Amino acid sequence: MLAKYYRSRILTLILGTVTLLILGSFFFWYDHYTVTRAPHWAILLSLYALATLPVFLPTKRLALPDVMMPIIMVLGLNSVDTTLSAISHSITFSNLSWPLMAYTLLAAGLVLRRHTFFGWLFFCGFVVLVLSWHTNYFDTRLTLSTEFAIPFLLMLLSMIVPQQIEQAVSKTRQARSMRITADAGRAEETDMGAIATQRVQEVRALTEDMLHRIAYNESPVTRTEMDEFRFTEAQLRDTIRGRYIVNKEILDAAWLARQRGVKVDILDERGSALPSRVSLALTQCAVDLFDNASGGTITVRAFPADDQTAVMLVHDGNSEDEEPSAIEISQTGVVERF
């Protein structure tokens, strides 16, 4: 996770600037504010690097492994103790300036890494070591402790700012999710409106001539016209009861099957569009079944989306000598015949 952020040029620039600031201020502090018996500068920097590198190197996860925390604490506090040995026991803000900046950065890094307890524990250990090193009673420890006011505020900010950022990101994600849901709802409403318009056009195309015949032609209705009215009514019923499973090929094949005396029932218990693989399999199976039937009853039934069976087609020849046949289409489009 952190490796992704390190690919940001801005963050890399900030980290590079902070690193140069730490190194530059260290050498200035070492030349002007350390005692003559101070450890070699390479020792101080090496100990500090050992403590800080595990915290600021990029990793896949933001939080470090818990087993690393005791190691970082020991390395960090040992680095603090060695650094304090480089300054006099009469501590002032000048000779405390670099340790104050460097080790506050380490403590804040632990907090940002989601190890708040260990970050504050290290900060408190740092404060205790500094106050215990100071022995100038003319400048009291209470006065010296005020030097930690700004680092303390920085520690608080390292806790508060990430929480505020996470809340803002969470709200942004919620708003994006709500917008996507709303867009999907509007798209669905638009699609439903288009489907409704299509159904109206289909009904008009099927019934317009018949209604005109009934309204304006007073001659008796013939048997052929009665059959056509009956077939049209059945097809309208199919488009309503099977709105998500029928298409033009199925409706045309069902129309021809009814003309041959086949009874057709289409039931849609799904209430939503079929997957494309299921729809293709259904069209092929239904058209073949309608074309080959010369009588009996054909039932096409779509099941709910959570059922293992998507669609079942049953042909009952209404004859004792002929066993009913069935075609089952799974949710993945696999066809089984019984």
Protein backbone atom coordinates (compact mmCIF):
# COMPACT_ATOMS: atom_id res chain seq x y z
CA MET A 1 0.00 0.00 0.00
CA LEU A 2 2.72 2.45 0.98
CA ALA A 3 4.72 1.55 -2.12
CA LYS A 4 1.91 3.00 -4.22
CA TYR A 5 2.21 6.35 -2.45
CA TYR A 6 5.99 6.41 -2.89
CA ARG A 7 5.43 6.45 -6.66
CA SER A 8 3.89 9.91 -6.27
CA ARG A 9 6.35 12.60 -7.35
CA ILE A 10 5.04 15.06 -4.77
CA LEU A 11 5.47 12.62 -1.87
CA THR A 12 8.91 11.60 -3.12
CA LEU A 13 9.90 15.27 -3.30
CA ILE A 14 8.65 15.87 0.25
CA LEU A 15 10.51 12.86 1.62
CA GLY A 16 13.67 13.86 -0.21
CA THR A 17 13.44 17.38 1.17
CA VAL A 18 12.89 16.10 4.72
CA THR A 19 15.87 13.74 4.37
CA LEU A 20 18.15 16.55 3.20
CA LEU A 21 16.86 18.77 6.02
CA ILE A 22 17.58 16.07 8.61
CA LEU A 23 21.10 15.46 7.26
CA GLY A 24 21.95 19.15 6.85
CA SER A 25 20.68 20.10 10.29
CA PHE A 26 22.50 17.11 11.80
CA PHE A 27 25.92 18.19 10.54
CA PHE A 28 25.27 21.78 11.61
CA TRP A 29 24.15 20.59 15.05
CA TYR A 30 27.09 18.17 15.36
CA ASP A 31 29.66 20.88 14.52
CA HIS A 32 28.26 23.57 16.84
CA TYR A 33 26.40 22.00 19.78
CA THR A 34 28.06 18.70 20.66
CA VAL A 35 30.80 18.15 23.23
CA THR A 36 34.36 17.19 22.38
CA ARG A 37 33.93 13.65 23.70
CA ALA A 38 30.88 13.06 21.51
CA PRO A 39 30.69 9.78 19.57
CA HIS A 40 31.67 9.90 15.94
CA TRP A 41 28.96 11.39 13.72
CA ALA A 42 28.75 8.18 11.65
CA ILE A 43 27.77 6.21 14.76
CA LEU A 44 24.96 8.65 15.60
CA LEU A 45 23.61 8.66 12.05
CA SER A 46 23.87 4.88 11.72
CA LEU A 47 21.89 4.26 14.91
CA TYR A 48 19.24 6.78 13.85
CA ALA A 49 19.03 5.23 10.38
CA LEU A 50 18.59 1.74 11.84
CA ALA A 51 15.63 2.98 13.89
CA THR A 52 13.95 5.07 11.18
CA LEU A 53 14.41 3.05 7.98
CA PRO A 54 11.93 0.29 8.98
CA VAL A 55 9.34 3.01 9.59
CA PHE A 56 9.76 5.02 6.39
CA LEU A 57 10.71 2.41 3.82
CA PRO A 58 7.81 1.48 1.46
CA THR A 59 5.87 -1.69 2.28
CA LYS A 60 2.78 -3.41 0.91
CA ARG A 61 0.82 -2.75 4.10
CA LEU A 62 0.65 0.51 5.99
CA ALA A 63 0.89 -1.14 9.42
CA LEU A 64 4.18 -2.81 10.24
CA PRO A 65 4.33 -6.34 11.70
CA ASP A 66 3.85 -6.31 15.47
CA VAL A 67 7.11 -8.20 15.94
CA MET A 68 8.94 -5.16 14.56
CA MET A 69 7.71 -2.82 17.28
CA PRO A 70 9.98 -3.99 20.16
CA ILE A 71 12.97 -3.94 17.80
CA ILE A 72 12.22 -0.39 16.65
CA MET A 73 11.65 0.74 20.24
CA VAL A 74 14.99 -0.68 21.42
CA LEU A 75 16.88 0.75 18.43
CA GLY A 76 15.15 4.12 18.77
CA LEU A 77 15.70 4.57 22.51
CA ASN A 78 19.31 3.36 22.19
CA SER A 79 19.81 5.95 19.45
CA VAL A 80 18.33 8.64 21.72
CA ASP A 81 20.65 7.67 24.57
CA THR A 82 23.71 7.73 22.28
CA THR A 83 22.67 11.09 20.82
CA LEU A 84 22.23 12.62 24.28
CA SER A 85 25.78 11.53 25.15
CA ALA A 86 26.96 13.93 22.45
CA ILE A 87 25.60 17.02 24.25
CA SER A 88 26.27 18.48 27.68
CA HIS A 89 24.11 17.83 30.70
CA SER A 90 23.13 21.49 30.66
CA ILE A 91 20.53 21.09 27.95
CA THR A 92 19.27 24.12 26.03
CA PHE A 93 17.05 24.40 23.01
CA SER A 94 20.09 24.83 20.76
CA ASN A 95 21.83 21.58 21.65
CA LEU A 96 18.46 19.78 21.78
CA SER A 97 17.26 21.13 18.41
CA TRP A 98 18.27 18.23 16.16
CA PRO A 99 17.26 15.40 18.53
CA LEU A 100 13.93 17.13 19.10
CA MET A 101 13.22 17.29 15.37
CA ALA A 102 14.63 13.89 14.43
CA TYR A 103 13.00 11.77 17.12
CA THR A 104 9.65 13.56 16.94
CA LEU A 105 9.67 12.60 13.26
CA LEU A 106 10.30 8.96 14.22
CA ALA A 107 7.47 8.96 16.79
CA ALA A 108 5.07 10.62 14.33
CA GLY A 109 6.03 8.04 11.71
CA LEU A 110 4.99 5.24 14.05
CA VAL A 111 1.63 6.96 14.63
CA LEU A 112 1.10 7.36 10.88
CA ARG A 113 1.91 3.67 10.49
CA ARG A 114 -1.12 2.86 12.67
CA HIS A 115 1.04 2.07 15.71
CA THR A 116 -0.28 4.90 17.87
CA PHE A 117 0.52 3.24 21.19
CA PHE A 118 4.16 2.59 20.30
CA GLY A 119 4.52 6.05 18.77
CA TRP A 120 3.43 7.73 22.00
CA LEU A 121 5.44 5.23 24.07
CA PHE A 122 8.60 6.14 22.17
CA PHE A 123 7.83 9.86 22.47
CA CYS A 124 7.37 9.53 26.24
CA GLY A 125 10.59 7.50 26.51
CA PHE A 126 12.41 10.21 24.56
CA VAL A 127 11.09 12.91 26.90
CA VAL A 128 12.06 10.92 30.01
CA LEU A 129 15.60 10.32 28.71
CA VAL A 130 16.07 14.02 27.91
CA LEU A 131 14.80 15.17 31.30
CA SER A 132 16.91 12.58 33.11
CA TRP A 133 20.03 13.69 31.20
CA HIS A 134 19.51 17.32 32.21
CA THR A 135 21.24 18.20 35.54
CA ASN A 136 21.36 22.01 35.43
CA TYR A 137 19.07 22.95 38.29
CA PHE A 138 19.24 26.66 37.46
CA ASP A 139 17.28 25.83 34.31
CA THR A 140 14.64 23.50 35.73
CA ARG A 141 13.27 20.40 34.07
CA LEU A 142 9.83 22.03 34.08
CA THR A 143 11.18 24.87 31.98
CA LEU A 144 12.94 22.40 29.70
CA SER A 145 9.75 20.40 29.24
CA THR A 146 8.14 23.38 27.51
CA GLU A 147 10.47 22.69 24.59
CA PHE A 148 8.32 19.62 23.90
CA ALA A 149 5.13 21.66 23.38
CA ILE A 150 5.51 21.90 19.60
CA PRO A 151 6.56 18.23 19.19
CA PHE A 152 3.54 17.28 21.31
CA LEU A 153 1.26 19.25 18.98
CA LEU A 154 2.89 17.57 15.99
CA MET A 155 2.15 14.19 17.53
CA LEU A 156 -1.49 15.17 17.96
CA LEU A 157 -1.65 16.33 14.35
CA SER A 158 -0.17 13.02 13.17
CA MET A 159 -3.16 11.34 14.84
CA ILE A 160 -5.91 13.77 13.86
CA VAL A 161 -5.02 14.61 10.25
CA PRO A 162 -5.01 10.99 8.93
CA GLN A 163 -8.36 10.37 10.64
CA GLN A 164 -9.83 13.44 8.98
CA ILE A 165 -8.40 12.37 5.64
CA GLU A 166 -9.86 8.87 6.03
CA GLN A 167 -13.26 10.33 6.93
CA ALA A 168 -13.13 12.61 3.90
CA VAL A 169 -12.11 9.71 1.65
CA SER A 170 -14.89 7.56 3.13
CA LYS A 171 -17.47 10.29 2.50
CA THR A 172 -16.16 10.71 -1.03
CA ARG A 173 -16.50 6.98 -1.65
CA GLN A 174 -20.02 7.00 -0.23
CA ALA A 175 -20.96 9.95 -2.42
CA ARG A 176 -19.46 8.20 -5.46
CA SER A 177 -21.33 5.00 -4.61
CA MET A 178 -24.59 6.92 -4.20
CA ARG A 179 -24.01 8.67 -7.52
CA ILE A 180 -23.29 5.38 -9.28
CA THR A 181 -26.43 3.86 -7.74
CA ALA A 182 -28.49 6.87 -8.79
CA ASP A 183 -27.06 6.74 -12.32
CA ALA A 184 -27.82 3.02 -12.50
CA GLY A 185 -31.36 3.70 -11.26
CA ARG A 186 -31.90 6.38 -13.87
CA ALA A 187 -30.47 4.10 -16.55
CA GLU A 188 -32.78 1.30 -15.43
CA GLU A 189 -35.75 3.66 -15.48
CA THR A 190 -34.74 4.77 -18.97
CA ASP A 191 -34.43 1.15 -20.10
CA MET A 192 -37.79 0.31 -18.54
CA GLY A 193 -39.31 3.29 -20.32
CA ALA A 194 -37.82 2.10 -23.60
CA ILE A 195 -39.17 -1.41 -23.00
CA ALA A 196 -42.61 0.00 -22.18
CA THR A 197 -42.55 2.08 -25.37
CA GLN A 198 -41.54 -0.99 -27.35
CA ARG A 199 -44.41 -3.00 -25.83
CA VAL A 200 -46.88 -0.26 -26.75
CA GLN A 201 -45.61 -0.28 -30.32
CA GLU A 202 -45.90 -4.07 -30.47
CA VAL A 203 -49.45 -3.99 -29.13
CA ARG A 204 -50.37 -1.27 -31.60
CA ALA A 205 -48.87 -3.22 -34.50
CA LEU A 206 -50.75 -6.38 -33.49
CA THR A 207 -54.14 -4.90 -32.71
CA GLU A 208 -54.48 -1.80 -34.87
CA ASP A 209 -55.87 -3.61 -37.93
CA MET A 210 -58.18 -5.77 -35.80
CA LEU A 211 -59.57 -2.87 -33.83
CA HIS A 212 -60.13 -0.96 -37.07
CA ARG A 213 -61.94 -4.03 -38.47
CA ILE A 214 -64.22 -4.28 -35.43
CA ALA A 215 -64.93 -0.55 -35.27
CA TYR A 216 -65.54 0.28 -38.93
CA ASN A 217 -66.53 -2.98 -40.65
CA GLU A 218 -70.05 -4.11 -39.80
CA SER A 219 -69.84 -7.38 -41.72
CA PRO A 220 -69.88 -10.62 -39.67
CA VAL A 221 -66.55 -11.82 -38.29
CA THR A 222 -65.27 -14.90 -40.06
CA ARG A 223 -63.82 -18.01 -38.43
CA THR A 224 -60.37 -17.12 -39.75
CA GLU A 225 -60.60 -13.67 -38.19
CA MET A 226 -61.74 -15.18 -34.88
CA ASP A 227 -58.68 -17.44 -34.86
CA GLU A 228 -56.45 -14.48 -35.67
CA PHE A 229 -57.99 -12.51 -32.79
CA ARG A 230 -57.39 -15.46 -30.47
CA PHE A 231 -53.77 -15.89 -31.57
CA THR A 232 -53.16 -12.16 -31.19
CA GLU A 233 -54.61 -12.19 -27.69
CA ALA A 234 -52.34 -15.11 -26.75
CA GLN A 235 -49.30 -13.35 -28.16
CA LEU A 236 -50.12 -10.18 -26.22
CA ARG A 237 -50.40 -12.33 -23.11
CA ASP A 238 -46.97 -13.79 -23.85
CA THR A 239 -45.40 -10.33 -24.12
CA ILE A 240 -46.90 -9.36 -20.75
CA ARG A 241 -46.33 -12.55 -18.75
CA GLY A 242 -42.94 -13.27 -20.29
CA ARG A 243 -41.68 -9.77 -20.91
CA TYR A 244 -38.06 -10.59 -20.01
CA ILE A 245 -37.77 -13.97 -21.72
CA VAL A 246 -39.58 -13.67 -25.05
CA ASN A 247 -38.25 -12.11 -28.22
CA LYS A 248 -39.40 -11.86 -31.83
CA GLU A 249 -38.10 -15.31 -32.79
CA ILE A 250 -39.89 -17.00 -29.87
CA LEU A 251 -43.13 -15.06 -30.45
CA ASP A 252 -43.19 -15.88 -34.17
CA ALA A 253 -42.50 -19.57 -33.51
CA ALA A 254 -45.20 -19.65 -30.80
CA TRP A 255 -47.68 -18.01 -33.21
CA LEU A 256 -47.09 -20.70 -35.83
CA ALA A 257 -47.30 -23.45 -33.18
CA ARG A 258 -50.68 -22.17 -32.00
CA GLN A 259 -51.92 -22.23 -35.58
CA ARG A 260 -51.06 -25.96 -35.60
CA GLY A 261 -53.12 -26.49 -32.44
CA VAL A 262 -50.37 -26.32 -29.81
CA LYS A 263 -51.25 -24.69 -26.49
CA VAL A 264 -48.47 -22.38 -25.30
CA ASP A 265 -47.95 -21.04 -21.76
CA ILE A 266 -45.09 -18.64 -21.02
CA LEU A 267 -44.40 -17.77 -17.37
CA ASP A 268 -41.71 -15.41 -16.09
CA GLU A 269 -40.96 -15.74 -12.37
CA ARG A 270 -37.54 -14.13 -12.74
CA GLY A 271 -38.60 -10.52 -13.22
CA SER A 272 -35.29 -9.47 -14.76
CA ALA A 273 -33.35 -9.92 -17.97
CA LEU A 274 -31.71 -13.27 -18.62
CA PRO A 275 -27.93 -13.56 -19.06
CA SER A 276 -26.95 -13.47 -22.71
CA ARG A 277 -25.83 -17.14 -22.76
CA VAL A 278 -29.13 -18.25 -21.24
CA SER A 279 -31.13 -16.06 -23.61
CA LEU A 280 -29.37 -17.51 -26.67
CA ALA A 281 -29.87 -21.08 -25.45
CA LEU A 282 -33.54 -20.39 -24.66
CA THR A 283 -34.23 -18.91 -28.09
CA GLN A 284 -32.70 -21.88 -29.90
CA CYS A 285 -34.42 -24.50 -27.72
CA ALA A 286 -37.82 -22.76 -27.75
CA VAL A 287 -37.87 -22.21 -31.51
CA ASP A 288 -36.87 -25.85 -32.15
CA LEU A 289 -39.52 -27.09 -29.72
CA PHE A 290 -42.28 -24.94 -31.24
CA ASP A 291 -41.31 -25.85 -34.81
CA ASN A 292 -41.36 -29.60 -34.12
CA ALA A 293 -44.59 -29.65 -32.08
CA SER A 294 -47.85 -30.53 -33.75
CA GLY A 295 -50.06 -30.65 -30.66
CA GLY A 296 -50.15 -30.81 -26.90
CA THR A 297 -49.02 -28.16 -24.43
CA ILE A 298 -45.68 -26.36 -24.30
CA THR A 299 -44.79 -24.50 -21.10
CA VAL A 300 -41.85 -22.10 -20.92
CA ARG A 301 -41.04 -21.07 -17.35
CA ALA A 302 -38.26 -18.79 -16.11
CA PHE A 303 -37.18 -19.26 -12.48
CA PRO A 304 -35.84 -16.65 -10.02
CA ALA A 305 -32.21 -15.58 -10.38
CA ASP A 306 -31.14 -17.44 -7.22
CA ASP A 307 -32.42 -20.78 -8.53
CA GLN A 308 -29.98 -23.22 -10.13
CA THR A 309 -32.33 -23.59 -13.08
CA ALA A 310 -32.77 -20.47 -15.20
CA VAL A 311 -35.47 -21.70 -17.63
CA MET A 312 -37.37 -24.95 -18.11
CA LEU A 313 -39.32 -25.92 -21.22
CA VAL A 314 -41.83 -28.78 -20.96
CA HIS A 315 -43.76 -30.36 -23.84
CA ASP A 316 -46.72 -32.50 -22.83
CA GLY A 317 -48.25 -34.22 -25.82
CA ASN A 318 -51.47 -34.85 -23.85
CA SER A 319 -51.27 -38.46 -24.91
CA GLU A 320 -50.91 -41.61 -22.83
CA ASP A 321 -48.56 -43.06 -25.43
CA GLU A 322 -46.20 -40.08 -25.41
CA GLU A 323 -44.12 -39.19 -22.37
CA PRO A 324 -43.63 -35.48 -21.59
CA SER A 325 -40.23 -34.11 -22.53
CA ALA A 326 -38.34 -31.35 -20.76
CA ILE A 327 -35.42 -29.04 -21.47
CA GLU A 328 -33.59 -27.44 -18.55
CA ILE A 329 -31.26 -24.45 -18.99
CA SER A 330 -28.97 -23.61 -16.08
CA GLN A 331 -27.91 -20.12 -15.00
CA THR A 332 -24.68 -20.64 -16.96
CA GLY A 333 -26.48 -21.55 -20.19
CA VAL A 334 -25.91 -25.32 -20.01
CA VAL A 335 -28.76 -27.26 -21.66
CA GLU A 336 -30.00 -30.62 -20.37
CA ARG A 337 -32.78 -32.65 -21.98
CA PHE A 338 -35.01 -35.14 -20.15
